[in-house]
Amino acid sequence: MIINSRGRKGPILGDGIMLRAESSIVSHTFKYRDRIAIIGDILKTVKNSREGRKKTQIMQSANLNYVQTKKYINYLIDCGFLVVTQREMYVITKEGTRFLQLVEVQRIHSLR
């Protein structure tokens, strides 16, 4: 159950679909991300950790499934934005940090 803006409870139908009790309107709250946003989320997750992140931690933090996570991590390694340690931890490189800065600047400019 979710409490709406009027303080009433309404049932959740799953995956962001909410049925409002007072008006019977179905609201879709899906948000699709482009590839750059997903890459930015992955790099931000790894950057916020001192010793790096495991694949599962990246997957959960970036809201990706296993196949997507594998594809993006391999791509970021090929681009030189991530490196993998002997302990299977993923660490951001200087190039990855620079790319993340560019992504964040682009996000700021797109908000204007």
Protein backbone atom coordinates (compact mmCIF):
# COMPACT_ATOMS: atom_id res chain seq x y z
CA MET A 1 0.00 0.00 0.00
CA ILE A 2 1.07 3.55 -0.68
CA ILE A 3 -0.21 6.75 0.84
CA ASN A 4 -1.02 9.34 -1.81
CA SER A 5 -0.85 13.12 -1.54
CA ARG A 6 -4.28 13.27 0.08
CA GLY A 7 -3.25 10.87 2.83
CA ARG A 8 -5.32 7.99 1.46
CA LYS A 9 -4.02 4.49 0.88
CA GLY A 10 -4.00 2.94 -2.57
CA PRO A 11 -2.92 -0.51 -3.80
CA ILE A 12 0.39 -1.00 -5.60
CA LEU A 13 0.07 -3.13 -8.71
CA GLY A 14 3.83 -3.69 -9.05
CA ASP A 15 6.73 -2.20 -10.99
CA GLY A 16 5.79 1.38 -10.29
CA ILE A 17 2.12 1.15 -11.23
CA MET A 18 -0.19 2.65 -8.64
CA LEU A 19 -3.95 2.60 -8.68
CA ARG A 20 -5.38 5.68 -7.01
CA ALA A 21 -8.49 4.93 -4.98
CA GLU A 22 -10.13 8.33 -5.37
CA SER A 23 -10.04 8.59 -9.17
CA SER A 24 -9.32 5.08 -10.52
CA ILE A 25 -6.49 6.49 -12.68
CA VAL A 26 -3.48 4.25 -13.27
CA SER A 27 -0.21 6.18 -13.01
CA HIS A 28 2.93 4.84 -14.71
CA THR A 29 6.12 5.95 -13.00
CA PHE A 30 8.65 4.16 -15.19
CA LYS A 31 11.92 5.93 -15.90
CA TYR A 32 14.08 4.76 -18.78
CA ARG A 33 17.79 5.56 -18.72
CA ASP A 34 20.04 5.92 -21.71
CA ARG A 35 23.37 4.12 -21.94
CA ILE A 36 25.36 7.12 -20.77
CA ALA A 37 23.23 7.41 -17.61
CA ILE A 38 23.74 3.70 -16.87
CA ILE A 39 27.48 4.00 -17.40
CA GLY A 40 27.51 7.08 -15.15
CA ASP A 41 25.64 5.16 -12.45
CA ILE A 42 28.13 2.29 -12.62
CA LEU A 43 31.17 4.58 -12.50
CA LYS A 44 29.69 6.60 -9.64
CA THR A 45 29.06 3.41 -7.67
CA VAL A 46 32.63 2.23 -8.13
CA LYS A 47 34.10 5.67 -7.45
CA ASN A 48 32.30 5.96 -4.11
CA SER A 49 34.16 2.92 -2.79
CA ARG A 50 37.78 2.94 -1.63
CA GLU A 51 38.68 -0.63 -2.50
CA GLY A 52 36.28 -1.03 -5.44
CA ARG A 53 33.03 -2.92 -5.86
CA LYS A 54 32.09 -6.48 -6.63
CA LYS A 55 29.93 -7.25 -9.65
CA THR A 56 26.87 -7.96 -7.48
CA GLN A 57 27.23 -4.64 -5.66
CA ILE A 58 27.42 -2.80 -8.99
CA MET A 59 24.41 -4.72 -10.28
CA GLN A 60 22.29 -3.80 -7.25
CA SER A 61 23.41 -0.19 -7.06
CA ALA A 62 22.84 0.49 -10.77
CA ASN A 63 19.56 -1.48 -10.88
CA LEU A 64 20.70 -3.82 -13.64
CA ASN A 65 20.27 -7.53 -14.19
CA TYR A 66 23.26 -9.87 -14.38
CA VAL A 67 23.49 -9.95 -18.20
CA GLN A 68 23.34 -6.14 -18.47
CA THR A 69 25.90 -5.74 -15.69
CA LYS A 70 28.33 -8.11 -17.41
CA LYS A 71 27.91 -6.31 -20.75
CA TYR A 72 28.49 -2.84 -19.28
CA ILE A 73 31.41 -3.89 -17.07
CA ASN A 74 33.17 -5.56 -20.02
CA TYR A 75 32.58 -2.46 -22.13
CA LEU A 76 33.97 -0.17 -19.40
CA ILE A 77 37.04 -2.39 -19.01
CA ASP A 78 37.60 -2.35 -22.79
CA CYS A 79 37.33 1.46 -22.78
CA GLY A 80 39.84 1.70 -19.94
CA PHE A 81 37.36 3.21 -17.45
CA LEU A 82 37.45 0.24 -15.05
CA VAL A 83 40.06 -2.31 -14.02
CA VAL A 84 39.52 -5.57 -12.19
CA THR A 85 41.72 -6.57 -9.26
CA GLN A 86 42.84 -10.07 -8.30
CA ARG A 87 40.03 -10.15 -5.72
CA GLU A 88 37.41 -9.62 -8.49
CA MET A 89 36.84 -6.03 -7.36
CA TYR A 90 36.22 -3.33 -9.96
CA VAL A 91 38.10 -0.05 -9.55
CA ILE A 92 37.68 3.17 -11.54
CA THR A 93 40.66 4.51 -13.50
CA LYS A 94 41.70 8.13 -14.08
CA GLU A 95 40.06 7.97 -17.51
CA GLY A 96 36.88 6.65 -15.89
CA THR A 97 36.89 9.47 -13.35
CA ARG A 98 37.33 12.02 -16.14
CA PHE A 99 34.49 10.49 -18.16
CA LEU A 100 32.25 10.54 -15.07
CA GLN A 101 33.00 14.24 -14.60
CA LEU A 102 32.04 14.91 -18.21
CA VAL A 103 28.79 12.97 -17.80
CA GLU A 104 27.89 14.96 -14.68
CA VAL A 105 28.66 18.28 -16.42
CA GLN A 106 26.47 17.21 -19.33
CA ARG A 107 23.62 16.35 -16.93
CA ILE A 108 23.88 19.79 -15.35
CA HIS A 109 23.78 21.52 -18.75
CA SER A 110 20.80 19.45 -19.86
CA LEU A 111 18.82 20.62 -16.80
CA ARG A 112 19.08 24.25 -17.87
